[in-house]
């Protein structure tokens, strides 16, 4: 099973590991593409601070992120699973997984990134700020930039197993499974259910969405579940206590759609 995750906008403080070694990251086929984004980002953030902040969409309170990006080549690193923070990663709780569940996480989790393309949770990276929605001056929109490289690499990484897609829309633009891979892909969204004046209403609420996705991944890893495909995934998730509504693909070469319905966190 391959689990596709978004990163978090906020990152942990710098670590104490050795400086970045691009060649040491997982998915080495992305090395050249990563180097180009890194060069562009460092160059941008080493120049006009106001321009860099505008390109990166940073508020005044986040201007310090520009200097952080400028120093990416020499900054200390820590495992990506520790760099990414926020609601989803708090609910996932990588640090408190059992040894067996942690090993499963290292094998199955893939975090998408505007800067790195995608990384494993054990990859040593510095703290940075660069979302997939950014348009770097020399490369354009990063979601579009990454599409070609991802299309060559990700089908191999997916292998012949289930792909569980928990990414947000911006990060999904970098790779959309197609063909046979899409048919064993399950794309998940979380809906909050409320009863208003006796009528059920469902909506996507960011906090519920992120927390539930993190908790779902944790439960799958802890259970040691390895569903062979989307249909089996639905059964497993229901056995774990979730309310799931599944929509099978209407045509070949498209993914399953799974709605996880929650009433409270």
Protein backbone atom coordinates (compact mmCIF):
# COMPACT_ATOMS: atom_id res chain seq x y z
CA UNK A 1 0.00 0.00 0.00
CA UNK A 2 1.24 3.46 -0.95
CA UNK A 3 -0.22 6.37 1.04
CA UNK A 4 0.00 9.82 -0.53
CA UNK A 5 0.02 12.68 1.99
CA UNK A 6 0.15 16.46 1.74
CA UNK A 7 2.88 18.24 3.72
CA UNK A 8 2.11 20.86 6.35
CA UNK A 9 2.52 24.56 5.66
CA UNK A 10 4.12 25.03 9.07
CA UNK A 11 7.34 23.15 9.70
CA UNK A 12 9.30 22.20 12.79
CA UNK A 13 12.39 24.22 13.68
CA UNK A 14 15.71 23.23 12.18
CA UNK A 15 17.17 19.97 13.36
CA UNK A 16 20.67 18.91 14.30
CA UNK A 17 21.46 16.62 11.38
CA UNK A 18 23.99 17.09 8.62
CA UNK A 19 23.22 19.60 5.83
CA UNK A 20 21.04 18.53 2.93
CA UNK A 21 22.34 15.78 0.64
CA UNK A 22 19.99 15.65 -2.35
CA UNK A 23 21.50 12.39 -3.53
CA UNK A 24 20.51 10.73 -0.27
CA UNK A 25 16.78 11.34 -0.62
CA UNK A 26 14.34 8.63 -1.64
CA UNK A 27 13.15 8.56 -5.25
CA UNK A 28 16.59 9.53 -6.58
CA UNK A 29 15.15 9.82 -10.09
CA UNK A 30 13.71 13.16 -8.96
CA UNK A 31 17.19 14.46 -8.11
CA UNK A 32 17.65 16.72 -11.14
CA UNK A 33 14.17 18.20 -10.81
CA UNK A 34 14.73 18.79 -7.09
CA UNK A 35 18.03 20.53 -7.76
CA UNK A 36 16.38 22.97 -10.17
CA UNK A 37 13.65 23.92 -7.68
CA UNK A 38 16.22 24.26 -4.90
CA UNK A 39 18.42 26.52 -7.03
CA UNK A 40 15.46 28.72 -7.99
CA UNK A 41 14.16 28.98 -4.44
CA UNK A 42 17.53 29.77 -2.88
CA UNK A 43 18.26 32.38 -5.58
CA UNK A 44 14.84 34.00 -5.11
CA UNK A 45 15.21 34.17 -1.33
CA UNK A 46 18.80 35.43 -1.48
CA UNK A 47 17.68 38.57 -3.33
CA UNK A 48 14.80 40.99 -2.82
CA UNK A 49 13.04 39.92 0.37
CA UNK A 50 9.77 41.65 -0.52
CA UNK A 51 9.65 39.99 -3.92
CA UNK A 52 10.42 36.59 -2.43
CA UNK A 53 7.70 37.00 0.20
CA UNK A 54 5.19 37.96 -2.50
CA UNK A 55 6.06 34.97 -4.68
CA UNK A 56 5.82 32.60 -1.71
CA UNK A 57 2.59 34.17 -0.44
CA UNK A 58 4.04 35.06 2.96
CA UNK A 59 2.51 37.55 5.37
CA UNK A 60 4.66 40.08 7.22
CA UNK A 61 4.79 37.78 10.21
CA UNK A 62 6.37 35.05 8.10
CA UNK A 63 9.13 37.09 6.45
CA UNK A 64 11.69 35.09 8.41
CA UNK A 65 10.88 32.13 6.17
CA UNK A 66 12.64 33.93 3.31
CA UNK A 67 15.97 33.89 5.15
CA UNK A 68 15.39 30.26 6.09
CA UNK A 69 14.97 29.35 2.42
CA UNK A 70 18.09 31.29 1.44
CA UNK A 71 20.14 29.08 3.77
CA UNK A 72 18.67 25.72 2.70
CA UNK A 73 21.97 24.32 1.39
CA UNK A 74 23.74 24.66 4.74
CA UNK A 75 20.82 24.32 7.18
CA UNK A 76 20.69 21.39 9.60
CA UNK A 77 18.23 18.63 8.72
CA UNK A 78 15.91 16.22 10.49
CA UNK A 79 13.71 13.36 9.20
CA UNK A 80 10.80 14.57 7.11
CA UNK A 81 8.42 12.85 9.52
CA UNK A 82 9.62 15.29 12.19
CA UNK A 83 9.74 18.35 9.91
CA UNK A 84 6.05 18.20 9.00
CA UNK A 85 3.72 19.30 11.79
CA UNK A 86 0.12 20.43 12.03
CA UNK A 87 -3.26 18.80 12.50
CA UNK A 88 -2.83 15.78 10.20
CA UNK A 89 0.63 14.93 11.54
CA UNK A 90 -0.42 15.48 15.15
CA UNK A 91 -3.24 12.97 14.64
CA UNK A 92 -0.91 10.57 12.84
CA UNK A 93 1.54 10.70 15.75
CA UNK A 94 4.54 9.11 14.06
CA UNK A 95 6.70 9.44 17.18
CA UNK A 96 4.34 7.28 19.24
CA UNK A 97 3.80 4.45 16.76
CA UNK A 98 4.98 0.99 17.69
CA UNK A 99 8.20 -0.23 16.09
CA UNK A 100 6.28 -2.40 13.63
CA UNK A 101 3.84 0.38 12.70
CA UNK A 102 6.73 2.83 12.26
CA UNK A 103 8.39 0.46 9.81
CA UNK A 104 5.17 0.23 7.86
CA UNK A 105 5.00 4.02 7.81
CA UNK A 106 8.54 4.28 6.45
CA UNK A 107 7.66 1.88 3.65
CA UNK A 108 4.24 3.19 2.71
CA UNK A 109 3.99 6.94 3.38
CA UNK A 110 4.95 9.40 0.67
CA UNK A 111 4.70 13.14 1.44
CA UNK A 112 4.29 15.47 -1.54
CA UNK A 113 6.21 18.76 -1.54
CA UNK A 114 6.56 21.82 -3.72
CA UNK A 115 10.32 21.76 -3.14
CA UNK A 116 11.20 18.05 -3.09
CA UNK A 117 8.44 16.61 -5.26
CA UNK A 118 7.85 13.79 -2.79
CA UNK A 119 9.81 12.35 0.13
CA UNK A 120 9.68 9.42 2.53
CA UNK A 121 9.28 10.20 6.22
CA UNK A 122 12.84 9.10 6.96
CA UNK A 123 14.44 11.44 4.41
CA UNK A 124 16.68 14.08 6.01
CA UNK A 125 15.52 17.55 4.91
CA UNK A 126 15.82 21.08 6.31
CA UNK A 127 12.83 23.15 7.36
CA UNK A 128 11.58 25.21 4.39
CA UNK A 129 8.64 27.18 3.02
CA UNK A 130 7.48 26.49 -0.53
CA UNK A 131 3.99 25.21 -1.27
CA UNK A 132 2.92 23.40 -4.43
CA UNK A 133 0.86 26.43 -5.42
CA UNK A 134 3.93 28.68 -5.72
CA UNK A 135 5.01 29.97 -9.14
CA UNK A 136 8.80 30.31 -9.13
CA UNK A 137 10.10 32.88 -11.66
CA UNK A 138 12.20 30.42 -13.66
CA UNK A 139 9.96 27.36 -13.40
CA UNK A 140 6.36 28.49 -13.24
CA UNK A 141 3.66 26.75 -11.21
CA UNK A 142 5.25 23.93 -9.23
CA UNK A 143 2.26 21.62 -9.56
CA UNK A 144 2.70 21.73 -13.33
CA UNK A 145 6.49 21.59 -13.10
CA UNK A 146 6.48 18.34 -11.13
CA UNK A 147 3.93 16.58 -13.31
CA UNK A 148 6.33 15.22 -15.92
CA UNK A 149 8.90 13.85 -13.48
CA UNK A 150 6.22 12.34 -11.25
CA UNK A 151 4.51 10.63 -14.19
CA UNK A 152 7.73 8.75 -14.90
CA UNK A 153 8.57 7.80 -11.30
CA UNK A 154 5.34 7.31 -9.33
CA UNK A 155 3.82 4.37 -11.26
CA UNK A 156 6.93 2.35 -10.39
CA UNK A 157 6.75 3.45 -6.74
CA UNK A 158 3.07 2.47 -6.60
CA UNK A 159 3.95 -1.04 -7.76
CA UNK A 160 0.95 -3.33 -8.05
CA UNK A 161 -0.72 -2.47 -4.73
CA UNK A 162 -3.35 -0.11 -3.42
CA UNK A 163 -2.76 3.65 -3.63
CA UNK A 164 -4.49 5.61 -0.85
CA UNK A 165 -4.64 9.26 -1.87
CA UNK A 166 -5.11 11.70 1.02
CA UNK A 167 -3.60 14.77 -0.65
CA UNK A 168 -5.21 18.18 -0.84
CA UNK A 169 -6.15 19.54 -4.27
CA UNK A 170 -2.98 21.62 -4.76
CA UNK A 171 -0.70 18.63 -4.21
CA UNK A 172 -2.84 16.30 -6.31
CA UNK A 173 -1.98 18.41 -9.36
CA UNK A 174 1.60 17.09 -9.28
CA UNK A 175 0.51 13.53 -10.05
CA UNK A 176 -2.84 12.06 -10.95
CA UNK A 177 -2.75 8.28 -11.19
CA UNK A 178 -3.91 7.05 -14.56
CA UNK A 179 -4.69 3.82 -16.32
CA UNK A 180 -4.39 0.64 -14.30
CA UNK A 181 -2.85 2.47 -11.31
CA UNK A 182 -5.91 4.73 -11.06
CA UNK A 183 -8.20 1.71 -10.87
CA UNK A 184 -6.54 0.61 -7.64
CA UNK A 185 -6.40 4.14 -6.22
CA UNK A 186 -8.81 5.36 -3.55
CA UNK A 187 -9.12 9.12 -3.16
CA UNK A 188 -10.46 10.09 0.26
CA UNK A 189 -12.30 13.13 1.51
CA UNK A 190 -13.75 13.71 4.96
CA UNK A 191 -17.23 15.12 5.45
CA UNK A 192 -18.60 16.48 8.70
CA UNK A 193 -22.23 15.55 9.25
CA UNK A 194 -24.53 17.87 11.18
CA UNK A 195 -28.27 17.75 11.74
CA UNK A 196 -29.82 21.20 11.30
CA UNK A 197 -33.57 21.55 11.90
CA UNK A 198 -33.94 17.80 11.53
CA UNK A 199 -32.06 17.67 8.21
CA UNK A 200 -28.58 16.19 7.81
CA UNK A 201 -26.08 18.52 6.21
CA UNK A 202 -22.57 17.53 5.18
CA UNK A 203 -19.61 19.77 4.56
CA UNK A 204 -15.84 19.66 4.21
CA UNK A 205 -14.26 21.24 7.30
CA UNK A 206 -10.49 21.63 7.21
CA UNK A 207 -9.79 20.65 10.81
CA UNK A 208 -12.03 17.56 10.67
CA UNK A 209 -10.56 16.64 7.29
CA UNK A 210 -6.93 16.77 8.38
CA UNK A 211 -7.38 15.22 11.81
CA UNK A 212 -9.49 12.34 10.50
CA UNK A 213 -7.03 11.57 7.69
CA UNK A 214 -4.16 11.49 10.16
CA UNK A 215 -6.09 9.24 12.54
CA UNK A 216 -7.14 6.95 9.69
CA UNK A 217 -3.55 6.43 8.54
CA UNK A 218 -2.45 5.77 12.11
CA UNK A 219 -5.19 3.17 12.58
CA UNK A 220 -4.27 1.41 9.33
CA UNK A 221 -0.59 1.33 10.27
CA UNK A 222 -1.31 0.13 13.80
CA UNK A 223 -3.65 -2.60 12.57
CA UNK A 224 -1.05 -3.77 10.06
CA UNK A 225 -3.76 -3.70 7.40
CA UNK A 226 -2.63 -4.30 3.83
CA UNK A 227 -5.79 -4.12 1.70
CA UNK A 228 -5.21 -5.37 -1.83
CA UNK A 229 -7.46 -2.78 -3.47
CA UNK A 230 -10.13 -0.14 -2.89
CA UNK A 231 -12.98 -2.60 -2.22
CA UNK A 232 -10.98 -4.37 0.46
CA UNK A 233 -9.90 -0.99 1.87
CA UNK A 234 -13.54 -0.03 2.40
CA UNK A 235 -14.11 -3.22 4.38
CA UNK A 236 -10.99 -2.67 6.50
CA UNK A 237 -11.82 0.97 7.25
CA UNK A 238 -15.34 0.03 8.31
CA UNK A 239 -13.94 -2.67 10.59
CA UNK A 240 -11.79 0.05 12.18
CA UNK A 241 -14.98 1.89 13.13
CA UNK A 242 -15.29 4.53 10.39
CA UNK A 243 -18.40 5.40 8.41
CA UNK A 244 -17.43 5.14 4.75
CA UNK A 245 -19.37 5.66 1.54
CA UNK A 246 -17.60 4.41 -1.58
CA UNK A 247 -18.16 5.28 -5.22
CA UNK A 248 -16.68 2.90 -7.76
CA UNK A 249 -15.18 4.38 -10.95
CA UNK A 250 -17.73 5.18 -13.64
CA UNK A 251 -15.20 4.33 -16.33
CA UNK A 252 -11.88 2.54 -16.67
CA UNK A 253 -8.73 4.41 -15.75
CA UNK A 254 -10.25 6.46 -12.93
CA UNK A 255 -9.96 6.26 -9.14
CA UNK A 256 -12.42 5.19 -6.48
CA UNK A 257 -13.93 7.98 -4.36
CA UNK A 258 -14.28 7.34 -0.63
CA UNK A 259 -16.17 9.65 1.70
CA UNK A 260 -15.43 9.25 5.40
CA UNK A 261 -18.32 10.77 7.33
CA UNK A 262 -17.71 12.08 10.86
CA UNK A 263 -19.86 13.88 13.40
CA UNK A 264 -17.09 14.81 15.83
CA UNK A 265 -13.33 14.56 16.20
